[in-house]
Amino acid sequence: MTNRMPWSDNADPRPIWKVWDDFWDAGTKMIGYWVENNPVKTNNPDVLATIYKKEHSALVSISQLGKG
């Protein structure tokens, strides 16, 4: 959920943390990229999608696998 760059003015993770804090509540369900029936797929095997689902909304987290 956060960037992996060193903390700096150009890589401040606090905005990402705020989105998460604003979205998350006890009714939120995570559907991981590894779940076979995850309704969000990408067309690139190195790009993964995890869903955080609520009754009337969803947050999709996208990540790219690192290449060595």
PDB file of N, CA and C in Angstrom:
ATOM      1  N   MET A   1       0.808  -1.198   0.000  1.00  0.00           N
ATOM      2  CA  MET A   1       0.000   0.000   0.000  1.00  0.00           C
ATOM      3  C   MET A   1       0.848   1.258   0.000  1.00  0.00           C
ATOM      4  N   THR A   2       2.098   1.143   0.206  1.00  0.00           N
ATOM      5  CA  THR A   2       2.924   2.350   0.223  1.00  0.00           C
ATOM      6  C   THR A   2       4.032   2.229  -0.794  1.00  0.00           C
ATOM      7  N   ASN A   3       4.555   3.377  -1.138  1.00  0.00           N
ATOM      8  CA  ASN A   3       5.679   3.346  -2.066  1.00  0.00           C
ATOM      9  C   ASN A   3       6.890   2.769  -1.356  1.00  0.00           C
ATOM     10  N   ARG A   4       7.879   2.359  -2.103  1.00  0.00           N
ATOM     11  CA  ARG A   4       9.083   1.772  -1.511  1.00  0.00           C
ATOM     12  C   ARG A   4      10.293   2.669  -1.701  1.00  0.00           C
ATOM     13  N   MET A   5      10.061   3.880  -2.155  1.00  0.00           N
ATOM     14  CA  MET A   5      11.155   4.826  -2.306  1.00  0.00           C
ATOM     15  C   MET A   5      11.521   5.375  -0.930  1.00  0.00           C
ATOM     16  N   PRO A   6      12.745   5.843  -0.768  1.00  0.00           N
ATOM     17  CA  PRO A   6      13.100   6.476   0.509  1.00  0.00           C
ATOM     18  C   PRO A   6      12.201   7.694   0.754  1.00  0.00           C
ATOM     19  N   TRP A   7      11.915   7.959   2.012  1.00  0.00           N
ATOM     20  CA  TRP A   7      11.075   9.091   2.369  1.00  0.00           C
ATOM     21  C   TRP A   7      11.749  10.386   1.923  1.00  0.00           C
ATOM     22  N   SER A   8      11.015  11.217   1.179  1.00  0.00           N
ATOM     23  CA  SER A   8      11.510  12.526   0.743  1.00  0.00           C
ATOM     24  C   SER A   8      10.308  13.364   0.359  1.00  0.00           C
ATOM     25  N   ASP A   9      10.538  14.605  -0.043  1.00  0.00           N
ATOM     26  CA  ASP A   9       9.433  15.455  -0.488  1.00  0.00           C
ATOM     27  C   ASP A   9       8.734  14.857  -1.705  1.00  0.00           C
ATOM     28  N   ASN A  10       9.464  14.100  -2.520  1.00  0.00           N
ATOM     29  CA  ASN A  10       8.892  13.502  -3.728  1.00  0.00           C
ATOM     30  C   ASN A  10       8.315  12.109  -3.495  1.00  0.00           C
ATOM     31  N   ALA A  11       8.498  11.554  -2.316  1.00  0.00           N
ATOM     32  CA  ALA A  11       8.032  10.188  -2.040  1.00  0.00           C
ATOM     33  C   ALA A  11       7.419  10.099  -0.652  1.00  0.00           C
ATOM     34  N   ASP A  12       6.555  11.037  -0.337  1.00  0.00           N
ATOM     35  CA  ASP A  12       5.884  11.083   0.965  1.00  0.00           C
ATOM     36  C   ASP A  12       4.687  10.133   0.938  1.00  0.00           C
ATOM     37  N   PRO A  13       4.653   9.058   1.737  1.00  0.00           N
ATOM     38  CA  PRO A  13       3.556   8.094   1.697  1.00  0.00           C
ATOM     39  C   PRO A  13       2.291   8.544   2.437  1.00  0.00           C
ATOM     40  N   ARG A  14       2.318   9.678   3.124  1.00  0.00           N
ATOM     41  CA  ARG A  14       1.147  10.082   3.921  1.00  0.00           C
ATOM     42  C   ARG A  14      -0.142  10.227   3.113  1.00  0.00           C
ATOM     43  N   PRO A  15      -0.128  10.722   1.868  1.00  0.00           N
ATOM     44  CA  PRO A  15      -1.387  10.759   1.112  1.00  0.00           C
ATOM     45  C   PRO A  15      -1.984   9.371   0.874  1.00  0.00           C
ATOM     46  N   ILE A  16      -1.135   8.373   0.639  1.00  0.00           N
ATOM     47  CA  ILE A  16      -1.635   7.007   0.465  1.00  0.00           C
ATOM     48  C   ILE A  16      -2.228   6.507   1.777  1.00  0.00           C
ATOM     49  N   TRP A  17      -1.563   6.773   2.895  1.00  0.00           N
ATOM     50  CA  TRP A  17      -2.080   6.378   4.201  1.00  0.00           C
ATOM     51  C   TRP A  17      -3.429   7.028   4.469  1.00  0.00           C
ATOM     52  N   LYS A  18      -3.610   8.294   4.067  1.00  0.00           N
ATOM     53  CA  LYS A  18      -4.877   8.998   4.298  1.00  0.00           C
ATOM     54  C   LYS A  18      -6.014   8.352   3.504  1.00  0.00           C
ATOM     55  N   VAL A  19      -5.753   7.996   2.247  1.00  0.00           N
ATOM     56  CA  VAL A  19      -6.772   7.308   1.445  1.00  0.00           C
ATOM     57  C   VAL A  19      -7.202   6.033   2.160  1.00  0.00           C
ATOM     58  N   TRP A  20      -6.232   5.264   2.628  1.00  0.00           N
ATOM     59  CA  TRP A  20      -6.535   4.020   3.333  1.00  0.00           C
ATOM     60  C   TRP A  20      -7.365   4.289   4.587  1.00  0.00           C
ATOM     61  N   ASP A  21      -6.941   5.251   5.404  1.00  0.00           N
ATOM     62  CA  ASP A  21      -7.666   5.568   6.637  1.00  0.00           C
ATOM     63  C   ASP A  21      -9.088   6.031   6.351  1.00  0.00           C
ATOM     64  N   ASP A  22      -9.274   6.815   5.290  1.00  0.00           N
ATOM     65  CA  ASP A  22     -10.606   7.314   4.940  1.00  0.00           C
ATOM     66  C   ASP A  22     -11.512   6.205   4.411  1.00  0.00           C
ATOM     67  N   PHE A  23     -10.939   5.204   3.766  1.00  0.00           N
ATOM     68  CA  PHE A  23     -11.746   4.150   3.146  1.00  0.00           C
ATOM     69  C   PHE A  23     -12.070   3.008   4.096  1.00  0.00           C
ATOM     70  N   TRP A  24     -11.116   2.609   4.908  1.00  0.00           N
ATOM     71  CA  TRP A  24     -11.238   1.399   5.718  1.00  0.00           C
ATOM     72  C   TRP A  24     -12.255   1.541   6.835  1.00  0.00           C
ATOM     73  N   ASP A  25     -13.058   0.500   7.043  1.00  0.00           N
ATOM     74  CA  ASP A  25     -13.885   0.369   8.240  1.00  0.00           C
ATOM     75  C   ASP A  25     -14.122  -1.118   8.489  1.00  0.00           C
ATOM     76  N   ALA A  26     -14.870  -1.439   9.530  1.00  0.00           N
ATOM     77  CA  ALA A  26     -15.046  -2.838   9.929  1.00  0.00           C
ATOM     78  C   ALA A  26     -15.742  -3.677   8.861  1.00  0.00           C
ATOM     79  N   GLY A  27     -16.498  -3.045   7.949  1.00  0.00           N
ATOM     80  CA  GLY A  27     -17.200  -3.796   6.909  1.00  0.00           C
ATOM     81  C   GLY A  27     -16.394  -4.015   5.646  1.00  0.00           C
ATOM     82  N   THR A  28     -15.160  -3.590   5.621  1.00  0.00           N
ATOM     83  CA  THR A  28     -14.333  -3.722   4.429  1.00  0.00           C
ATOM     84  C   THR A  28     -13.771  -5.142   4.337  1.00  0.00           C
ATOM     85  N   LYS A  29     -13.885  -5.733   3.139  1.00  0.00           N
ATOM     86  CA  LYS A  29     -13.386  -7.098   2.911  1.00  0.00           C
ATOM     87  C   LYS A  29     -12.247  -7.034   1.889  1.00  0.00           C
ATOM     88  N   MET A  30     -11.136  -7.678   2.206  1.00  0.00           N
ATOM     89  CA  MET A  30     -10.022  -7.742   1.274  1.00  0.00           C
ATOM     90  C   MET A  30     -10.157  -8.979   0.398  1.00  0.00           C
ATOM     91  N   ILE A  31      -9.987  -8.790  -0.921  1.00  0.00           N
ATOM     92  CA  ILE A  31      -9.939  -9.897  -1.871  1.00  0.00           C
ATOM     93  C   ILE A  31      -8.571  -9.806  -2.530  1.00  0.00           C
ATOM     94  N   GLY A  32      -7.666 -10.665  -2.116  1.00  0.00           N
ATOM     95  CA  GLY A  32      -6.283 -10.609  -2.567  1.00  0.00           C
ATOM     96  C   GLY A  32      -6.094 -10.990  -4.024  1.00  0.00           C
ATOM     97  N   TYR A  33      -5.001 -10.547  -4.589  1.00  0.00           N
ATOM     98  CA  TYR A  33      -4.672 -10.852  -5.985  1.00  0.00           C
ATOM     99  C   TYR A  33      -4.567 -12.357  -6.215  1.00  0.00           C
ATOM    100  N   TRP A  34      -4.284 -13.116  -5.178  1.00  0.00           N
ATOM    101  CA  TRP A  34      -4.106 -14.562  -5.293  1.00  0.00           C
ATOM    102  C   TRP A  34      -5.430 -15.325  -5.277  1.00  0.00           C
ATOM    103  N   VAL A  35      -6.544 -14.651  -4.975  1.00  0.00           N
ATOM    104  CA  VAL A  35      -7.851 -15.304  -4.919  1.00  0.00           C
ATOM    105  C   VAL A  35      -8.338 -15.552  -6.355  1.00  0.00           C
ATOM    106  N   GLU A  36      -8.655 -16.791  -6.657  1.00  0.00           N
ATOM    107  CA  GLU A  36      -8.999 -17.171  -8.031  1.00  0.00           C
ATOM    108  C   GLU A  36     -10.176 -16.377  -8.593  1.00  0.00           C
ATOM    109  N   ASN A  37     -11.213 -16.124  -7.779  1.00  0.00           N
ATOM    110  CA  ASN A  37     -12.388 -15.414  -8.288  1.00  0.00           C
ATOM    111  C   ASN A  37     -12.333 -13.905  -8.012  1.00  0.00           C
ATOM    112  N   ASN A  38     -11.151 -13.359  -7.814  1.00  0.00           N
ATOM    113  CA  ASN A  38     -10.984 -11.904  -7.698  1.00  0.00           C
ATOM    114  C   ASN A  38     -11.527 -11.281  -8.988  1.00  0.00           C
ATOM    115  N   PRO A  39     -12.497 -10.361  -8.898  1.00  0.00           N
ATOM    116  CA  PRO A  39     -13.112  -9.820 -10.110  1.00  0.00           C
ATOM    117  C   PRO A  39     -12.242  -8.822 -10.875  1.00  0.00           C
ATOM    118  N   VAL A  40     -11.111  -8.412 -10.326  1.00  0.00           N
ATOM    119  CA  VAL A  40     -10.222  -7.484 -11.027  1.00  0.00           C
ATOM    120  C   VAL A  40      -8.964  -8.235 -11.434  1.00  0.00           C
ATOM    121  N   LYS A  41      -8.711  -8.257 -12.702  1.00  0.00           N
ATOM    122  CA  LYS A  41      -7.514  -8.891 -13.249  1.00  0.00           C
ATOM    123  C   LYS A  41      -6.796  -7.873 -14.128  1.00  0.00           C
ATOM    124  N   THR A  42      -5.500  -8.037 -14.294  1.00  0.00           N
ATOM    125  CA  THR A  42      -4.757  -7.215 -15.237  1.00  0.00           C
ATOM    126  C   THR A  42      -4.315  -8.104 -16.397  1.00  0.00           C
ATOM    127  N   ASN A  43      -3.891  -7.491 -17.475  1.00  0.00           N
ATOM    128  CA  ASN A  43      -3.434  -8.287 -18.616  1.00  0.00           C
ATOM    129  C   ASN A  43      -1.921  -8.498 -18.589  1.00  0.00           C
ATOM    130  N   ASN A  44      -1.300  -8.173 -17.456  1.00  0.00           N
ATOM    131  CA  ASN A  44       0.143  -8.327 -17.301  1.00  0.00           C
ATOM    132  C   ASN A  44       0.389  -9.196 -16.070  1.00  0.00           C
ATOM    133  N   PRO A  45       1.051 -10.339 -16.211  1.00  0.00           N
ATOM    134  CA  PRO A  45       1.256 -11.232 -15.063  1.00  0.00           C
ATOM    135  C   PRO A  45       2.145 -10.629 -13.971  1.00  0.00           C
ATOM    136  N   ASP A  46       2.863  -9.565 -14.278  1.00  0.00           N
ATOM    137  CA  ASP A  46       3.707  -8.897 -13.284  1.00  0.00           C
ATOM    138  C   ASP A  46       2.994  -7.762 -12.569  1.00  0.00           C
ATOM    139  N   VAL A  47       1.732  -7.495 -12.929  1.00  0.00           N
ATOM    140  CA  VAL A  47       0.940  -6.443 -12.288  1.00  0.00           C
ATOM    141  C   VAL A  47      -0.224  -7.109 -11.572  1.00  0.00           C
ATOM    142  N   LEU A  48      -0.290  -6.932 -10.267  1.00  0.00           N
ATOM    143  CA  LEU A  48      -1.263  -7.611  -9.413  1.00  0.00           C
ATOM    144  C   LEU A  48      -2.301  -6.621  -8.902  1.00  0.00           C
ATOM    145  N   ALA A  49      -3.537  -7.095  -8.690  1.00  0.00           N
ATOM    146  CA  ALA A  49      -4.615  -6.244  -8.186  1.00  0.00           C
ATOM    147  C   ALA A  49      -5.264  -6.898  -6.966  1.00  0.00           C
ATOM    148  N   THR A  50      -5.330  -6.161  -5.869  1.00  0.00           N
ATOM    149  CA  THR A  50      -6.045  -6.579  -4.668  1.00  0.00           C
ATOM    150  C   THR A  50      -7.187  -5.595  -4.452  1.00  0.00           C
ATOM    151  N   ILE A  51      -8.336  -6.112  -4.037  1.00  0.00           N
ATOM    152  CA  ILE A  51      -9.528  -5.282  -3.850  1.00  0.00           C
ATOM    153  C   ILE A  51      -9.839  -5.162  -2.362  1.00  0.00           C
ATOM    154  N   TYR A  52     -10.243  -3.977  -1.964  1.00  0.00           N
ATOM    155  CA  TYR A  52     -10.794  -3.734  -0.637  1.00  0.00           C
ATOM    156  C   TYR A  52     -12.230  -3.305  -0.898  1.00  0.00           C
ATOM    157  N   LYS A  53     -13.194  -4.185  -0.590  1.00  0.00           N
ATOM    158  CA  LYS A  53     -14.582  -4.023  -1.002  1.00  0.00           C
ATOM    159  C   LYS A  53     -15.481  -3.675   0.181  1.00  0.00           C
ATOM    160  N   LYS A  54     -16.360  -2.699  -0.066  1.00  0.00           N
ATOM    161  CA  LYS A  54     -17.413  -2.340   0.879  1.00  0.00           C
ATOM    162  C   LYS A  54     -18.747  -2.555   0.175  1.00  0.00           C
ATOM    163  N   GLU A  55     -19.831  -2.281   0.856  1.00  0.00           N
ATOM    164  CA  GLU A  55     -21.144  -2.549   0.269  1.00  0.00           C
ATOM    165  C   GLU A  55     -21.368  -1.784  -1.036  1.00  0.00           C
ATOM    166  N   HIS A  56     -20.995  -0.509  -1.090  1.00  0.00           N
ATOM    167  CA  HIS A  56     -21.281   0.300  -2.273  1.00  0.00           C
ATOM    168  C   HIS A  56     -20.038   0.905  -2.916  1.00  0.00           C
ATOM    169  N   SER A  57     -18.873   0.406  -2.572  1.00  0.00           N
ATOM    170  CA  SER A  57     -17.647   0.950  -3.156  1.00  0.00           C
ATOM    171  C   SER A  57     -16.511  -0.051  -3.030  1.00  0.00           C
ATOM    172  N   ALA A  58     -15.450   0.219  -3.766  1.00  0.00           N
ATOM    173  CA  ALA A  58     -14.274  -0.636  -3.706  1.00  0.00           C
ATOM    174  C   ALA A  58     -13.040   0.206  -3.962  1.00  0.00           C
ATOM    175  N   LEU A  59     -11.943  -0.206  -3.343  1.00  0.00           N
ATOM    176  CA  LEU A  59     -10.646   0.394  -3.575  1.00  0.00           C
ATOM    177  C   LEU A  59      -9.783  -0.709  -4.171  1.00  0.00           C
ATOM    178  N   VAL A  60      -9.129  -0.430  -5.287  1.00  0.00           N
ATOM    179  CA  VAL A  60      -8.279  -1.416  -5.940  1.00  0.00           C
ATOM    180  C   VAL A  60      -6.831  -0.985  -5.776  1.00  0.00           C
ATOM    181  N   SER A  61      -6.037  -1.870  -5.238  1.00  0.00           N
ATOM    182  CA  SER A  61      -4.614  -1.629  -5.053  1.00  0.00           C
ATOM    183  C   SER A  61      -3.854  -2.391  -6.121  1.00  0.00           C
ATOM    184  N   ILE A  62      -3.050  -1.665  -6.893  1.00  0.00           N
ATOM    185  CA  ILE A  62      -2.274  -2.244  -7.985  1.00  0.00           C
ATOM    186  C   ILE A  62      -0.801  -2.231  -7.604  1.00  0.00           C
ATOM    187  N   SER A  63      -0.116  -3.331  -7.865  1.00  0.00           N
ATOM    188  CA  SER A  63       1.328  -3.351  -7.628  1.00  0.00           C
ATOM    189  C   SER A  63       2.019  -4.103  -8.762  1.00  0.00           C
ATOM    190  N   GLN A  64       3.248  -3.714  -9.017  1.00  0.00           N
ATOM    191  CA  GLN A  64       4.046  -4.370 -10.030  1.00  0.00           C
ATOM    192  C   GLN A  64       5.164  -5.143  -9.358  1.00  0.00           C
ATOM    193  N   LEU A  65       5.336  -6.394  -9.762  1.00  0.00           N
ATOM    194  CA  LEU A  65       6.416  -7.207  -9.228  1.00  0.00           C
ATOM    195  C   LEU A  65       7.742  -6.630  -9.679  1.00  0.00           C
ATOM    196  N   GLY A  66       8.702  -6.604  -8.756  1.00  0.00           N
ATOM    197  CA  GLY A  66      10.018  -6.088  -9.096  1.00  0.00           C
ATOM    198  C   GLY A  66      10.793  -7.073  -9.957  1.00  0.00           C
ATOM    199  N   LYS A  67      11.636  -6.545 -10.762  1.00  0.00           N
ATOM    200  CA  LYS A  67      12.500  -7.364 -11.618  1.00  0.00           C
ATOM    201  C   LYS A  67      13.933  -7.203 -11.167  1.00  0.00           C
ATOM    202  N   GLY A  68      14.363  -8.070 -10.247  1.00  0.00           N
ATOM    203  CA  GLY A  68      15.683  -8.221  -9.753  1.00  0.00           C
ATOM    204  C   GLY A  68      16.501  -7.063  -9.498  1.00  0.00           C
TER     205      GLY A  68
END
